[in-house]
Amino acid sequence: MERHIRETEYGGVVNTLAAAQRVGFGGRFLYMTASSVTSRSWATVLLNLYKGNTLVWRERAEHEIRAAARVHHHPSRDSAHRPGANVLSW
């Protein structure tokens, strides 16, 4: 089960980011996450056990989105008014 969760929750985001970067996408992404992704409690532990570490993979996907937003720049949007404008916004 965890393989499917990883491929969906994490792999899908990574593949989407890569495709957006290949074509020079300059828009914004909206990523709907889950509550308690970054907090730990008995409920999140149980959810991760039951759902193949879904919150772990969602948190990793969020890190990938943030990293892509910091690293990749869109040349047509870089200007004196918006230096370093990101391809992806979080």
PDB file of N, CA and C in Angstrom:
ATOM      1  N   MET A   1       0.812  -1.191   0.000  1.00  0.00           N
ATOM      2  CA  MET A   1       0.000   0.000   0.000  1.00  0.00           C
ATOM      3  C   MET A   1       0.859   1.260   0.000  1.00  0.00           C
ATOM      4  N   GLU A   2       1.966   1.253   0.747  1.00  0.00           N
ATOM      5  CA  GLU A   2       2.764   2.475   0.832  1.00  0.00           C
ATOM      6  C   GLU A   2       3.325   2.878  -0.532  1.00  0.00           C
ATOM      7  N   ARG A   3       3.644   1.918  -1.373  1.00  0.00           N
ATOM      8  CA  ARG A   3       4.165   2.240  -2.702  1.00  0.00           C
ATOM      9  C   ARG A   3       3.162   3.093  -3.476  1.00  0.00           C
ATOM     10  N   HIS A   4       1.896   2.739  -3.402  1.00  0.00           N
ATOM     11  CA  HIS A   4       0.859   3.502  -4.106  1.00  0.00           C
ATOM     12  C   HIS A   4       0.691   4.895  -3.510  1.00  0.00           C
ATOM     13  N   ILE A   5       0.761   4.980  -2.201  1.00  0.00           N
ATOM     14  CA  ILE A   5       0.675   6.288  -1.532  1.00  0.00           C
ATOM     15  C   ILE A   5       1.854   7.153  -1.960  1.00  0.00           C
ATOM     16  N   ARG A   6       3.060   6.575  -1.930  1.00  0.00           N
ATOM     17  CA  ARG A   6       4.264   7.319  -2.318  1.00  0.00           C
ATOM     18  C   ARG A   6       4.167   7.793  -3.771  1.00  0.00           C
ATOM     19  N   GLU A   7       3.744   6.914  -4.665  1.00  0.00           N
ATOM     20  CA  GLU A   7       3.643   7.277  -6.085  1.00  0.00           C
ATOM     21  C   GLU A   7       2.609   8.368  -6.319  1.00  0.00           C
ATOM     22  N   THR A   8       1.531   8.354  -5.546  1.00  0.00           N
ATOM     23  CA  THR A   8       0.470   9.347  -5.715  1.00  0.00           C
ATOM     24  C   THR A   8       0.795  10.649  -4.999  1.00  0.00           C
ATOM     25  N   GLU A   9       1.038  10.561  -3.698  1.00  0.00           N
ATOM     26  CA  GLU A   9       1.227  11.756  -2.869  1.00  0.00           C
ATOM     27  C   GLU A   9       2.541  12.484  -3.152  1.00  0.00           C
ATOM     28  N   TYR A  10       3.580  11.743  -3.445  1.00  0.00           N
ATOM     29  CA  TYR A  10       4.899  12.344  -3.648  1.00  0.00           C
ATOM     30  C   TYR A  10       5.298  12.327  -5.122  1.00  0.00           C
ATOM     31  N   GLY A  11       5.256  11.162  -5.728  1.00  0.00           N
ATOM     32  CA  GLY A  11       5.681  11.025  -7.116  1.00  0.00           C
ATOM     33  C   GLY A  11       4.872  11.877  -8.080  1.00  0.00           C
ATOM     34  N   GLY A  12       3.576  11.976  -7.843  1.00  0.00           N
ATOM     35  CA  GLY A  12       2.735  12.801  -8.699  1.00  0.00           C
ATOM     36  C   GLY A  12       3.127  14.264  -8.650  1.00  0.00           C
ATOM     37  N   VAL A  13       3.462  14.745  -7.470  1.00  0.00           N
ATOM     38  CA  VAL A  13       3.887  16.136  -7.312  1.00  0.00           C
ATOM     39  C   VAL A  13       5.241  16.352  -7.984  1.00  0.00           C
ATOM     40  N   VAL A  14       6.182  15.439  -7.754  1.00  0.00           N
ATOM     41  CA  VAL A  14       7.511  15.564  -8.348  1.00  0.00           C
ATOM     42  C   VAL A  14       7.416  15.555  -9.881  1.00  0.00           C
ATOM     43  N   ASN A  15       6.602  14.670 -10.425  1.00  0.00           N
ATOM     44  CA  ASN A  15       6.435  14.609 -11.879  1.00  0.00           C
ATOM     45  C   ASN A  15       5.783  15.878 -12.428  1.00  0.00           C
ATOM     46  N   THR A  16       4.816  16.415 -11.708  1.00  0.00           N
ATOM     47  CA  THR A  16       4.153  17.650 -12.137  1.00  0.00           C
ATOM     48  C   THR A  16       5.124  18.821 -12.107  1.00  0.00           C
ATOM     49  N   LEU A  17       5.936  18.915 -11.066  1.00  0.00           N
ATOM     50  CA  LEU A  17       6.934  19.985 -10.980  1.00  0.00           C
ATOM     51  C   LEU A  17       7.940  19.883 -12.116  1.00  0.00           C
ATOM     52  N   ALA A  18       8.396  18.673 -12.399  1.00  0.00           N
ATOM     53  CA  ALA A  18       9.368  18.472 -13.479  1.00  0.00           C
ATOM     54  C   ALA A  18       8.770  18.877 -14.827  1.00  0.00           C
ATOM     55  N   ALA A  19       7.526  18.497 -15.080  1.00  0.00           N
ATOM     56  CA  ALA A  19       6.874  18.859 -16.335  1.00  0.00           C
ATOM     57  C   ALA A  19       6.709  20.374 -16.440  1.00  0.00           C
ATOM     58  N   ALA A  20       6.338  21.015 -15.354  1.00  0.00           N
ATOM     59  CA  ALA A  20       6.165  22.469 -15.349  1.00  0.00           C
ATOM     60  C   ALA A  20       7.493  23.171 -15.629  1.00  0.00           C
ATOM     61  N   GLN A  21       8.556  22.661 -15.058  1.00  0.00           N
ATOM     62  CA  GLN A  21       9.872  23.263 -15.273  1.00  0.00           C
ATOM     63  C   GLN A  21      10.349  23.054 -16.707  1.00  0.00           C
ATOM     64  N   ARG A  22      10.057  21.898 -17.285  1.00  0.00           N
ATOM     65  CA  ARG A  22      10.457  21.624 -18.676  1.00  0.00           C
ATOM     66  C   ARG A  22       9.816  22.597 -19.658  1.00  0.00           C
ATOM     67  N   VAL A  23       8.564  22.942 -19.422  1.00  0.00           N
ATOM     68  CA  VAL A  23       7.870  23.829 -20.364  1.00  0.00           C
ATOM     69  C   VAL A  23       7.924  25.296 -19.951  1.00  0.00           C
ATOM     70  N   GLY A  24       8.605  25.603 -18.858  1.00  0.00           N
ATOM     71  CA  GLY A  24       8.729  26.987 -18.415  1.00  0.00           C
ATOM     72  C   GLY A  24       7.452  27.571 -17.858  1.00  0.00           C
ATOM     73  N   PHE A  25       6.668  26.748 -17.216  1.00  0.00           N
ATOM     74  CA  PHE A  25       5.404  27.199 -16.626  1.00  0.00           C
ATOM     75  C   PHE A  25       5.670  28.344 -15.662  1.00  0.00           C
ATOM     76  N   GLY A  26       4.947  29.436 -15.818  1.00  0.00           N
ATOM     77  CA  GLY A  26       5.156  30.597 -14.976  1.00  0.00           C
ATOM     78  C   GLY A  26       3.994  30.916 -14.060  1.00  0.00           C
ATOM     79  N   GLY A  27       3.072  30.009 -13.934  1.00  0.00           N
ATOM     80  CA  GLY A  27       1.903  30.253 -13.103  1.00  0.00           C
ATOM     81  C   GLY A  27       2.098  29.786 -11.675  1.00  0.00           C
ATOM     82  N   ARG A  28       1.020  29.543 -11.034  1.00  0.00           N
ATOM     83  CA  ARG A  28       1.040  29.093  -9.640  1.00  0.00           C
ATOM     84  C   ARG A  28       0.382  27.737  -9.521  1.00  0.00           C
ATOM     85  N   PHE A  29       0.840  26.988  -8.542  1.00  0.00           N
ATOM     86  CA  PHE A  29       0.230  25.711  -8.209  1.00  0.00           C
ATOM     87  C   PHE A  29      -0.552  25.872  -6.912  1.00  0.00           C
ATOM     88  N   LEU A  30      -1.619  25.166  -6.820  1.00  0.00           N
ATOM     89  CA  LEU A  30      -2.355  25.069  -5.568  1.00  0.00           C
ATOM     90  C   LEU A  30      -2.269  23.617  -5.127  1.00  0.00           C
ATOM     91  N   TYR A  31      -1.638  23.385  -4.015  1.00  0.00           N
ATOM     92  CA  TYR A  31      -1.491  22.039  -3.489  1.00  0.00           C
ATOM     93  C   TYR A  31      -2.313  21.939  -2.215  1.00  0.00           C
ATOM     94  N   MET A  32      -3.322  21.122  -2.251  1.00  0.00           N
ATOM     95  CA  MET A  32      -4.173  20.931  -1.083  1.00  0.00           C
ATOM     96  C   MET A  32      -3.561  19.845  -0.208  1.00  0.00           C
ATOM     97  N   THR A  33      -3.088  20.244   0.914  1.00  0.00           N
ATOM     98  CA  THR A  33      -2.450  19.303   1.814  1.00  0.00           C
ATOM     99  C   THR A  33      -3.448  18.836   2.866  1.00  0.00           C
ATOM    100  N   ALA A  34      -2.965  18.109   3.818  1.00  0.00           N
ATOM    101  CA  ALA A  34      -3.814  17.615   4.897  1.00  0.00           C
ATOM    102  C   ALA A  34      -3.420  18.308   6.199  1.00  0.00           C
ATOM    103  N   SER A  35      -4.351  18.431   7.093  1.00  0.00           N
ATOM    104  CA  SER A  35      -3.999  18.983   8.399  1.00  0.00           C
ATOM    105  C   SER A  35      -3.100  17.987   9.118  1.00  0.00           C
ATOM    106  N   SER A  36      -2.268  18.483   9.972  1.00  0.00           N
ATOM    107  CA  SER A  36      -1.362  17.675  10.799  1.00  0.00           C
ATOM    108  C   SER A  36      -0.207  17.047  10.021  1.00  0.00           C
ATOM    109  N   VAL A  37       0.108  17.581   8.847  1.00  0.00           N
ATOM    110  CA  VAL A  37       1.235  17.034   8.094  1.00  0.00           C
ATOM    111  C   VAL A  37       2.533  17.240   8.861  1.00  0.00           C
ATOM    112  N   THR A  38       2.698  18.383   9.481  1.00  0.00           N
ATOM    113  CA  THR A  38       3.956  18.669  10.172  1.00  0.00           C
ATOM    114  C   THR A  38       3.892  18.453  11.679  1.00  0.00           C
ATOM    115  N   SER A  39       2.755  18.091  12.194  1.00  0.00           N
ATOM    116  CA  SER A  39       2.666  17.844  13.634  1.00  0.00           C
ATOM    117  C   SER A  39       2.575  16.346  13.896  1.00  0.00           C
ATOM    118  N   ARG A  40       3.032  15.954  15.039  1.00  0.00           N
ATOM    119  CA  ARG A  40       3.004  14.541  15.405  1.00  0.00           C
ATOM    120  C   ARG A  40       2.109  14.353  16.628  1.00  0.00           C
ATOM    121  N   SER A  41       1.244  13.388  16.519  1.00  0.00           N
ATOM    122  CA  SER A  41       0.371  13.038  17.636  1.00  0.00           C
ATOM    123  C   SER A  41       0.026  11.574  17.489  1.00  0.00           C
ATOM    124  N   TRP A  42      -0.699  11.050  18.443  1.00  0.00           N
ATOM    125  CA  TRP A  42      -1.098   9.648  18.328  1.00  0.00           C
ATOM    126  C   TRP A  42      -2.010   9.451  17.117  1.00  0.00           C
ATOM    127  N   ALA A  43      -2.811  10.467  16.794  1.00  0.00           N
ATOM    128  CA  ALA A  43      -3.718  10.361  15.649  1.00  0.00           C
ATOM    129  C   ALA A  43      -2.946  10.305  14.323  1.00  0.00           C
ATOM    130  N   THR A  44      -1.898  11.130  14.194  1.00  0.00           N
ATOM    131  CA  THR A  44      -1.125  11.101  12.952  1.00  0.00           C
ATOM    132  C   THR A  44      -0.327   9.812  12.821  1.00  0.00           C
ATOM    133  N   VAL A  45       0.160   9.309  13.936  1.00  0.00           N
ATOM    134  CA  VAL A  45       0.873   8.025  13.912  1.00  0.00           C
ATOM    135  C   VAL A  45      -0.066   6.918  13.439  1.00  0.00           C
ATOM    136  N   LEU A  46      -1.265   6.901  13.984  1.00  0.00           N
ATOM    137  CA  LEU A  46      -2.244   5.890  13.570  1.00  0.00           C
ATOM    138  C   LEU A  46      -2.637   6.043  12.106  1.00  0.00           C
ATOM    139  N   LEU A  47      -2.833   7.292  11.668  1.00  0.00           N
ATOM    140  CA  LEU A  47      -3.178   7.520  10.274  1.00  0.00           C
ATOM    141  C   LEU A  47      -2.065   7.051   9.345  1.00  0.00           C
ATOM    142  N   ASN A  48      -0.831   7.354   9.700  1.00  0.00           N
ATOM    143  CA  ASN A  48       0.293   6.903   8.886  1.00  0.00           C
ATOM    144  C   ASN A  48       0.391   5.379   8.860  1.00  0.00           C
ATOM    145  N   LEU A  49       0.143   4.742   9.979  1.00  0.00           N
ATOM    146  CA  LEU A  49       0.157   3.278  10.000  1.00  0.00           C
ATOM    147  C   LEU A  49      -0.949   2.691   9.135  1.00  0.00           C
ATOM    148  N   TYR A  50      -2.105   3.290   9.215  1.00  0.00           N
ATOM    149  CA  TYR A  50      -3.266   2.789   8.484  1.00  0.00           C
ATOM    150  C   TYR A  50      -3.203   3.113   6.992  1.00  0.00           C
ATOM    151  N   LYS A  51      -2.688   4.300   6.654  1.00  0.00           N
ATOM    152  CA  LYS A  51      -2.712   4.786   5.270  1.00  0.00           C
ATOM    153  C   LYS A  51      -1.334   4.838   4.611  1.00  0.00           C
ATOM    154  N   GLY A  52      -0.434   3.959   4.971  1.00  0.00           N
ATOM    155  CA  GLY A  52       0.845   3.853   4.272  1.00  0.00           C
ATOM    156  C   GLY A  52       1.713   5.095   4.312  1.00  0.00           C
ATOM    157  N   ASN A  53       1.814   5.719   5.474  1.00  0.00           N
ATOM    158  CA  ASN A  53       2.641   6.918   5.660  1.00  0.00           C
ATOM    159  C   ASN A  53       2.203   8.089   4.785  1.00  0.00           C
ATOM    160  N   THR A  54       0.932   8.240   4.605  1.00  0.00           N
ATOM    161  CA  THR A  54       0.412   9.302   3.744  1.00  0.00           C
ATOM    162  C   THR A  54       0.871  10.691   4.170  1.00  0.00           C
ATOM    163  N   LEU A  55       0.907  10.965   5.459  1.00  0.00           N
ATOM    164  CA  LEU A  55       1.325  12.293   5.913  1.00  0.00           C
ATOM    165  C   LEU A  55       2.817  12.505   5.708  1.00  0.00           C
ATOM    166  N   VAL A  56       3.597  11.456   5.818  1.00  0.00           N
ATOM    167  CA  VAL A  56       5.040  11.533   5.567  1.00  0.00           C
ATOM    168  C   VAL A  56       5.279  11.935   4.109  1.00  0.00           C
ATOM    169  N   TRP A  57       4.591  11.263   3.185  1.00  0.00           N
ATOM    170  CA  TRP A  57       4.788  11.544   1.760  1.00  0.00           C
ATOM    171  C   TRP A  57       4.226  12.902   1.366  1.00  0.00           C
ATOM    172  N   ARG A  58       3.166  13.339   2.000  1.00  0.00           N
ATOM    173  CA  ARG A  58       2.638  14.680   1.718  1.00  0.00           C
ATOM    174  C   ARG A  58       3.614  15.752   2.192  1.00  0.00           C
ATOM    175  N   GLU A  59       4.220  15.524   3.341  1.00  0.00           N
ATOM    176  CA  GLU A  59       5.200  16.492   3.838  1.00  0.00           C
ATOM    177  C   GLU A  59       6.401  16.568   2.899  1.00  0.00           C
ATOM    178  N   ARG A  60       6.858  15.439   2.409  1.00  0.00           N
ATOM    179  CA  ARG A  60       7.979  15.434   1.460  1.00  0.00           C
ATOM    180  C   ARG A  60       7.599  16.146   0.168  1.00  0.00           C
ATOM    181  N   ALA A  61       6.367  15.984  -0.274  1.00  0.00           N
ATOM    182  CA  ALA A  61       5.895  16.685  -1.470  1.00  0.00           C
ATOM    183  C   ALA A  61       5.919  18.197  -1.241  1.00  0.00           C
ATOM    184  N   GLU A  62       5.510  18.641  -0.068  1.00  0.00           N
ATOM    185  CA  GLU A  62       5.546  20.060   0.251  1.00  0.00           C
ATOM    186  C   GLU A  62       6.967  20.601   0.193  1.00  0.00           C
ATOM    187  N   HIS A  63       7.929  19.820   0.686  1.00  0.00           N
ATOM    188  CA  HIS A  63       9.337  20.235   0.625  1.00  0.00           C
ATOM    189  C   HIS A  63       9.798  20.371  -0.824  1.00  0.00           C
ATOM    190  N   GLU A  64       9.374  19.462  -1.682  1.00  0.00           N
ATOM    191  CA  GLU A  64       9.734  19.532  -3.108  1.00  0.00           C
ATOM    192  C   GLU A  64       9.158  20.792  -3.750  1.00  0.00           C
ATOM    193  N   ILE A  65       7.925  21.129  -3.420  1.00  0.00           N
ATOM    194  CA  ILE A  65       7.299  22.332  -3.977  1.00  0.00           C
ATOM    195  C   ILE A  65       8.058  23.574  -3.524  1.00  0.00           C
ATOM    196  N   ARG A  66       8.372  23.646  -2.247  1.00  0.00           N
ATOM    197  CA  ARG A  66       9.111  24.804  -1.731  1.00  0.00           C
ATOM    198  C   ARG A  66      10.492  24.902  -2.364  1.00  0.00           C
ATOM    199  N   ALA A  67      11.167  23.783  -2.522  1.00  0.00           N
ATOM    200  CA  ALA A  67      12.503  23.786  -3.136  1.00  0.00           C
ATOM    201  C   ALA A  67      12.425  24.237  -4.587  1.00  0.00           C
ATOM    202  N   ALA A  68      11.429  23.794  -5.316  1.00  0.00           N
ATOM    203  CA  ALA A  68      11.273  24.189  -6.722  1.00  0.00           C
ATOM    204  C   ALA A  68      10.980  25.682  -6.821  1.00  0.00           C
ATOM    205  N   ALA A  69      10.219  26.216  -5.909  1.00  0.00           N
ATOM    206  CA  ALA A  69       9.876  27.638  -5.939  1.00  0.00           C
ATOM    207  C   ALA A  69      11.094  28.504  -5.664  1.00  0.00           C
ATOM    208  N   ARG A  70      12.016  28.036  -4.856  1.00  0.00           N
ATOM    209  CA  ARG A  70      13.215  28.817  -4.538  1.00  0.00           C
ATOM    210  C   ARG A  70      14.252  28.744  -5.645  1.00  0.00           C
ATOM    211  N   VAL A  71      14.330  27.635  -6.331  1.00  0.00           N
ATOM    212  CA  VAL A  71      15.441  27.381  -7.237  1.00  0.00           C
ATOM    213  C   VAL A  71      15.174  27.846  -8.664  1.00  0.00           C
ATOM    214  N   HIS A  72      13.982  27.636  -9.162  1.00  0.00           N
ATOM    215  CA  HIS A  72      13.711  27.860 -10.577  1.00  0.00           C
ATOM    216  C   HIS A  72      13.064  29.220 -10.804  1.00  0.00           C
ATOM    217  N   HIS A  73      13.645  29.966 -11.737  1.00  0.00           N
ATOM    218  CA  HIS A  73      13.161  31.307 -12.015  1.00  0.00           C
ATOM    219  C   HIS A  73      12.632  31.382 -13.441  1.00  0.00           C
ATOM    220  N   HIS A  74      11.680  32.234 -13.644  1.00  0.00           N
ATOM    221  CA  HIS A  74      11.069  32.446 -14.954  1.00  0.00           C
ATOM    222  C   HIS A  74      11.664  33.720 -15.534  1.00  0.00           C
ATOM    223  N   PRO A  75      12.467  33.624 -16.607  1.00  0.00           N
ATOM    224  CA  PRO A  75      13.163  34.805 -17.122  1.00  0.00           C
ATOM    225  C   PRO A  75      12.244  35.956 -17.517  1.00  0.00           C
ATOM    226  N   SER A  76      11.087  35.669 -18.071  1.00  0.00           N
ATOM    227  CA  SER A  76      10.219  36.754 -18.506  1.00  0.00           C
ATOM    228  C   SER A  76       9.587  37.495 -17.337  1.00  0.00           C
ATOM    229  N   ARG A  77       9.614  36.910 -16.169  1.00  0.00           N
ATOM    230  CA  ARG A  77       9.022  37.577 -15.007  1.00  0.00           C
ATOM    231  C   ARG A  77      10.062  38.270 -14.138  1.00  0.00           C
ATOM    232  N   ASP A  78      11.335  37.997 -14.382  1.00  0.00           N
ATOM    233  CA  ASP A  78      12.381  38.675 -13.631  1.00  0.00           C
ATOM    234  C   ASP A  78      12.502  40.101 -14.158  1.00  0.00           C
ATOM    235  N   SER A  79      12.428  41.063 -13.278  1.00  0.00           N
ATOM    236  CA  SER A  79      12.541  42.466 -13.697  1.00  0.00           C
ATOM    237  C   SER A  79      13.031  43.285 -12.519  1.00  0.00           C
ATOM    238  N   ALA A  80      13.199  44.557 -12.763  1.00  0.00           N
ATOM    239  CA  ALA A  80      13.623  45.449 -11.680  1.00  0.00           C
ATOM    240  C   ALA A  80      12.577  45.506 -10.583  1.00  0.00           C
ATOM    241  N   HIS A  81      11.308  45.294 -10.953  1.00  0.00           N
ATOM    242  CA  HIS A  81      10.231  45.360  -9.965  1.00  0.00           C
ATOM    243  C   HIS A  81      10.054  44.047  -9.222  1.00  0.00           C
ATOM    244  N   ARG A  82      10.436  42.970  -9.865  1.00  0.00           N
ATOM    245  CA  ARG A  82      10.259  41.658  -9.247  1.00  0.00           C
ATOM    246  C   ARG A  82      11.525  40.819  -9.422  1.00  0.00           C
ATOM    247  N   PRO A  83      12.640  41.216  -8.810  1.00  0.00           N
ATOM    248  CA  PRO A  83      13.865  40.437  -8.996  1.00  0.00           C
ATOM    249  C   PRO A  83      13.702  39.030  -8.436  1.00  0.00           C
ATOM    250  N   GLY A  84      14.156  38.063  -9.198  1.00  0.00           N
ATOM    251  CA  GLY A  84      14.113  36.681  -8.734  1.00  0.00           C
ATOM    252  C   GLY A  84      12.725  36.087  -8.658  1.00  0.00           C
ATOM    253  N   ALA A  85      11.813  36.540  -9.497  1.00  0.00           N
ATOM    254  CA  ALA A  85      10.452  35.988  -9.473  1.00  0.00           C
ATOM    255  C   ALA A  85      10.498  34.490  -9.721  1.00  0.00           C
ATOM    256  N   ASN A  86       9.770  33.758  -8.950  1.00  0.00           N
ATOM    257  CA  ASN A  86       9.806  32.303  -9.030  1.00  0.00           C
ATOM    258  C   ASN A  86       8.830  31.749 -10.061  1.00  0.00           C
ATOM    259  N   VAL A  87       9.234  30.633 -10.660  1.00  0.00           N
ATOM    260  CA  VAL A  87       8.326  29.918 -11.545  1.00  0.00           C
ATOM    261  C   VAL A  87       7.143  29.417 -10.734  1.00  0.00           C
ATOM    262  N   LEU A  88       7.421  28.912  -9.574  1.00  0.00           N
ATOM    263  CA  LEU A  88       6.380  28.318  -8.729  1.00  0.00           C
ATOM    264  C   LEU A  88       6.255  29.132  -7.460  1.00  0.00           C
ATOM    265  N   SER A  89       5.059  29.360  -7.049  1.00  0.00           N
ATOM    266  CA  SER A  89       4.828  30.118  -5.825  1.00  0.00           C
ATOM    267  C   SER A  89       4.192  29.216  -4.797  1.00  0.00           C
ATOM    268  N   TRP A  90       4.501  29.446  -3.575  1.00  0.00           N
ATOM    269  CA  TRP A  90       3.894  28.687  -2.496  1.00  0.00           C
ATOM    270  C   TRP A  90       3.104  29.609  -1.632  1.00  0.00           C
TER     271      TRP A  90
END
